[in-house]
Amino acid sequence: MQPCSEATAIGPEMDAMEVLRLMSRSGNSRLLVTEGERLVGIVTLRDLMNFLNVKLNLEEGEAVDVRYTGGAPGEKGASQRA
């Protein structure tokens, strides 16, 4: 278990691309989201990949299914089976 530090914690206002850069530099695939001393969430690399996929599809004007599938990007999830 790693202690909370600048390499493992971010604020809720941090831009997604900056979070991705921090994950890449630090080698962490999960970061704590904190406000002061309080933990308010956890963001994972999978969360970021899903977010960026939706963002790119919206920018290209494609229809996007934003329901959580519980699987990794590209896996057959609940929303893809219907």
N, C-alpha and C. Protein backbone atom coordinates (compact mmCIF):
# COMPACT_ATOMS: atom_id res chain seq x y z
N MET A 1 0.84 -1.18 0.00
CA MET A 1 0.00 0.00 0.00
C MET A 1 0.89 1.24 0.00
N GLN A 2 0.57 2.19 -0.88
CA GLN A 2 1.35 3.42 -0.97
C GLN A 2 0.71 4.52 -0.14
N PRO A 3 1.52 5.36 0.49
CA PRO A 3 0.96 6.50 1.21
C PRO A 3 0.41 7.53 0.22
N CYS A 4 -0.49 8.34 0.70
CA CYS A 4 -1.07 9.39 -0.12
C CYS A 4 0.01 10.46 -0.37
N SER A 5 0.24 10.79 -1.65
CA SER A 5 1.25 11.78 -2.00
C SER A 5 0.82 12.47 -3.29
N GLU A 6 1.64 13.39 -3.79
CA GLU A 6 1.33 14.06 -5.04
C GLU A 6 1.29 13.07 -6.21
N ALA A 7 1.98 11.95 -6.10
CA ALA A 7 1.98 10.94 -7.16
C ALA A 7 0.78 10.01 -7.10
N THR A 8 0.06 10.02 -5.97
CA THR A 8 -1.08 9.10 -5.82
C THR A 8 -2.40 9.80 -5.55
N ALA A 9 -2.39 11.13 -5.42
CA ALA A 9 -3.64 11.85 -5.12
C ALA A 9 -3.78 13.07 -6.03
N ILE A 10 -5.03 13.34 -6.40
CA ILE A 10 -5.36 14.49 -7.26
C ILE A 10 -6.57 15.21 -6.68
N GLY A 11 -6.79 16.42 -7.14
CA GLY A 11 -8.00 17.15 -6.77
C GLY A 11 -9.11 16.86 -7.76
N PRO A 12 -10.36 17.06 -7.37
CA PRO A 12 -11.49 16.75 -8.25
C PRO A 12 -11.56 17.63 -9.50
N GLU A 13 -10.86 18.75 -9.50
CA GLU A 13 -10.91 19.67 -10.64
C GLU A 13 -9.85 19.38 -11.69
N MET A 14 -8.98 18.40 -11.45
CA MET A 14 -7.88 18.13 -12.39
C MET A 14 -8.41 17.62 -13.72
N ASP A 15 -7.85 18.13 -14.81
CA ASP A 15 -8.21 17.76 -16.17
C ASP A 15 -7.86 16.30 -16.44
N ALA A 16 -8.71 15.61 -17.21
CA ALA A 16 -8.52 14.19 -17.49
C ALA A 16 -7.19 13.91 -18.17
N MET A 17 -6.77 14.76 -19.10
CA MET A 17 -5.50 14.53 -19.78
C MET A 17 -4.31 14.69 -18.82
N GLU A 18 -4.42 15.62 -17.88
CA GLU A 18 -3.37 15.79 -16.88
C GLU A 18 -3.32 14.57 -15.96
N VAL A 19 -4.48 14.02 -15.62
CA VAL A 19 -4.53 12.80 -14.80
C VAL A 19 -3.85 11.65 -15.54
N LEU A 20 -4.13 11.53 -16.83
CA LEU A 20 -3.51 10.49 -17.64
C LEU A 20 -1.98 10.66 -17.69
N ARG A 21 -1.51 11.91 -17.82
CA ARG A 21 -0.06 12.18 -17.81
C ARG A 21 0.56 11.77 -16.47
N LEU A 22 -0.14 12.12 -15.37
CA LEU A 22 0.37 11.77 -14.04
C LEU A 22 0.44 10.25 -13.87
N MET A 23 -0.60 9.55 -14.33
CA MET A 23 -0.58 8.09 -14.24
C MET A 23 0.59 7.52 -15.04
N SER A 24 0.83 8.07 -16.21
CA SER A 24 1.92 7.60 -17.06
C SER A 24 3.29 7.84 -16.41
N ARG A 25 3.47 9.04 -15.87
CA ARG A 25 4.76 9.37 -15.23
C ARG A 25 5.01 8.56 -13.97
N SER A 26 3.95 8.37 -13.17
CA SER A 26 4.12 7.72 -11.87
C SER A 26 4.01 6.19 -11.93
N GLY A 27 3.41 5.67 -13.00
CA GLY A 27 3.20 4.23 -13.10
C GLY A 27 2.00 3.75 -12.30
N ASN A 28 1.20 4.68 -11.76
CA ASN A 28 0.00 4.31 -10.99
C ASN A 28 -1.20 4.23 -11.92
N SER A 29 -1.97 3.17 -11.82
CA SER A 29 -3.18 3.05 -12.63
C SER A 29 -4.43 3.44 -11.83
N ARG A 30 -4.24 3.82 -10.58
CA ARG A 30 -5.33 4.30 -9.72
C ARG A 30 -4.83 5.51 -8.96
N LEU A 31 -5.67 6.54 -8.88
CA LEU A 31 -5.32 7.72 -8.09
C LEU A 31 -6.47 8.05 -7.15
N LEU A 32 -6.11 8.53 -5.97
CA LEU A 32 -7.10 8.98 -5.00
C LEU A 32 -7.54 10.40 -5.36
N VAL A 33 -8.81 10.67 -5.25
CA VAL A 33 -9.33 12.02 -5.46
C VAL A 33 -9.63 12.59 -4.08
N THR A 34 -8.94 13.68 -3.73
CA THR A 34 -9.08 14.24 -2.39
C THR A 34 -9.45 15.71 -2.44
N GLU A 35 -10.15 16.14 -1.42
CA GLU A 35 -10.43 17.55 -1.16
C GLU A 35 -9.89 17.82 0.24
N GLY A 36 -8.77 18.51 0.29
CA GLY A 36 -8.10 18.69 1.59
C GLY A 36 -7.62 17.34 2.09
N GLU A 37 -8.04 16.98 3.28
CA GLU A 37 -7.67 15.70 3.89
C GLU A 37 -8.71 14.61 3.61
N ARG A 38 -9.78 14.95 2.92
CA ARG A 38 -10.92 14.03 2.75
C ARG A 38 -10.86 13.30 1.41
N LEU A 39 -10.99 11.99 1.44
CA LEU A 39 -11.08 11.18 0.22
C LEU A 39 -12.48 11.33 -0.34
N VAL A 40 -12.58 11.74 -1.61
CA VAL A 40 -13.90 11.90 -2.24
C VAL A 40 -14.11 10.94 -3.40
N GLY A 41 -13.05 10.19 -3.78
CA GLY A 41 -13.22 9.23 -4.86
C GLY A 41 -11.90 8.59 -5.26
N ILE A 42 -12.01 7.70 -6.22
CA ILE A 42 -10.85 7.03 -6.81
C ILE A 42 -11.07 7.02 -8.31
N VAL A 43 -10.05 7.37 -9.07
CA VAL A 43 -10.13 7.30 -10.52
C VAL A 43 -9.12 6.27 -11.00
N THR A 44 -9.55 5.43 -11.94
CA THR A 44 -8.68 4.39 -12.47
C THR A 44 -8.37 4.66 -13.94
N LEU A 45 -7.37 3.99 -14.44
CA LEU A 45 -7.03 4.10 -15.86
C LEU A 45 -8.22 3.67 -16.71
N ARG A 46 -8.92 2.65 -16.29
CA ARG A 46 -10.12 2.20 -17.02
C ARG A 46 -11.17 3.30 -17.06
N ASP A 47 -11.38 4.00 -15.94
CA ASP A 47 -12.32 5.13 -15.92
C ASP A 47 -11.93 6.16 -16.98
N LEU A 48 -10.65 6.49 -17.03
CA LEU A 48 -10.17 7.49 -17.99
C LEU A 48 -10.35 7.03 -19.43
N MET A 49 -10.05 5.77 -19.71
CA MET A 49 -10.20 5.25 -21.06
C MET A 49 -11.66 5.28 -21.49
N ASN A 50 -12.57 4.91 -20.59
CA ASN A 50 -14.00 4.98 -20.90
C ASN A 50 -14.44 6.41 -21.16
N PHE A 51 -13.99 7.34 -20.31
CA PHE A 51 -14.33 8.75 -20.47
C PHE A 51 -13.83 9.28 -21.82
N LEU A 52 -12.57 9.01 -22.14
CA LEU A 52 -12.00 9.51 -23.39
C LEU A 52 -12.67 8.90 -24.60
N ASN A 53 -13.06 7.64 -24.52
CA ASN A 53 -13.79 6.99 -25.60
C ASN A 53 -15.13 7.70 -25.85
N VAL A 54 -15.86 7.98 -24.79
CA VAL A 54 -17.14 8.69 -24.91
C VAL A 54 -16.91 10.09 -25.47
N LYS A 55 -15.91 10.79 -24.96
CA LYS A 55 -15.61 12.15 -25.41
C LYS A 55 -15.29 12.18 -26.90
N LEU A 56 -14.44 11.28 -27.36
CA LEU A 56 -14.07 11.23 -28.77
C LEU A 56 -15.27 10.91 -29.65
N ASN A 57 -16.09 9.96 -29.22
CA ASN A 57 -17.28 9.61 -29.99
C ASN A 57 -18.25 10.78 -30.08
N LEU A 58 -18.42 11.51 -28.98
CA LEU A 58 -19.31 12.67 -29.00
C LEU A 58 -18.77 13.76 -29.93
N GLU A 59 -17.46 13.97 -29.90
CA GLU A 59 -16.85 14.98 -30.77
C GLU A 59 -16.99 14.60 -32.24
N GLU A 60 -17.01 13.31 -32.55
CA GLU A 60 -17.17 12.84 -33.93
C GLU A 60 -18.64 12.74 -34.33
N GLY A 61 -19.54 13.03 -33.40
CA GLY A 61 -20.97 12.99 -33.69
C GLY A 61 -21.56 11.61 -33.71
N GLU A 62 -20.87 10.64 -33.15
CA GLU A 62 -21.40 9.28 -33.09
C GLU A 62 -22.32 9.10 -31.89
N ALA A 63 -23.26 8.17 -32.02
CA ALA A 63 -24.12 7.83 -30.89
C ALA A 63 -23.26 7.12 -29.85
N VAL A 64 -23.50 7.42 -28.58
CA VAL A 64 -22.68 6.86 -27.51
C VAL A 64 -23.59 6.22 -26.47
N ASP A 65 -23.26 4.99 -26.07
CA ASP A 65 -23.94 4.32 -24.97
C ASP A 65 -23.09 4.52 -23.73
N VAL A 66 -23.57 5.32 -22.77
CA VAL A 66 -22.77 5.65 -21.60
C VAL A 66 -23.09 4.80 -20.38
N ARG A 67 -23.89 3.77 -20.57
CA ARG A 67 -24.18 2.89 -19.43
C ARG A 67 -22.94 2.13 -19.05
N TYR A 68 -22.72 1.96 -17.74
CA TYR A 68 -21.56 1.21 -17.25
C TYR A 68 -21.76 -0.25 -17.56
N THR A 69 -20.73 -0.87 -18.17
CA THR A 69 -20.83 -2.27 -18.55
C THR A 69 -20.15 -3.19 -17.56
N GLY A 70 -19.30 -2.64 -16.70
CA GLY A 70 -18.60 -3.46 -15.74
C GLY A 70 -17.40 -4.17 -16.33
N GLY A 71 -17.13 -3.99 -17.62
CA GLY A 71 -16.00 -4.64 -18.25
C GLY A 71 -15.01 -3.62 -18.77
N ALA A 72 -13.92 -4.15 -19.26
CA ALA A 72 -12.89 -3.28 -19.84
C ALA A 72 -13.36 -2.79 -21.19
N PRO A 73 -12.82 -1.66 -21.64
CA PRO A 73 -13.19 -1.17 -22.98
C PRO A 73 -12.97 -2.26 -24.02
N GLY A 74 -13.96 -2.45 -24.87
CA GLY A 74 -13.87 -3.46 -25.90
C GLY A 74 -14.43 -4.81 -25.51
N GLU A 75 -14.63 -5.06 -24.22
CA GLU A 75 -15.23 -6.31 -23.78
C GLU A 75 -16.72 -6.29 -24.03
N LYS A 76 -17.31 -7.45 -24.23
CA LYS A 76 -18.76 -7.53 -24.35
C LYS A 76 -19.38 -7.34 -22.97
N GLY A 77 -20.00 -6.21 -22.74
CA GLY A 77 -20.64 -5.93 -21.47
C GLY A 77 -22.15 -5.96 -21.60
N ALA A 78 -22.83 -5.67 -20.54
CA ALA A 78 -24.29 -5.71 -20.52
C ALA A 78 -24.89 -4.81 -21.60
N SER A 79 -24.33 -3.61 -21.79
CA SER A 79 -24.91 -2.68 -22.75
C SER A 79 -24.64 -3.11 -24.19
N GLN A 80 -23.66 -3.97 -24.42
CA GLN A 80 -23.36 -4.41 -25.78
C GLN A 80 -24.09 -5.69 -26.12
N ARG A 81 -24.62 -6.40 -25.13
CA ARG A 81 -25.31 -7.66 -25.38
C ARG A 81 -26.74 -7.47 -25.80
N ALA A 82 -27.33 -6.33 -25.44
CA ALA A 82 -28.76 -6.11 -25.68
C ALA A 82 -29.10 -6.04 -27.14
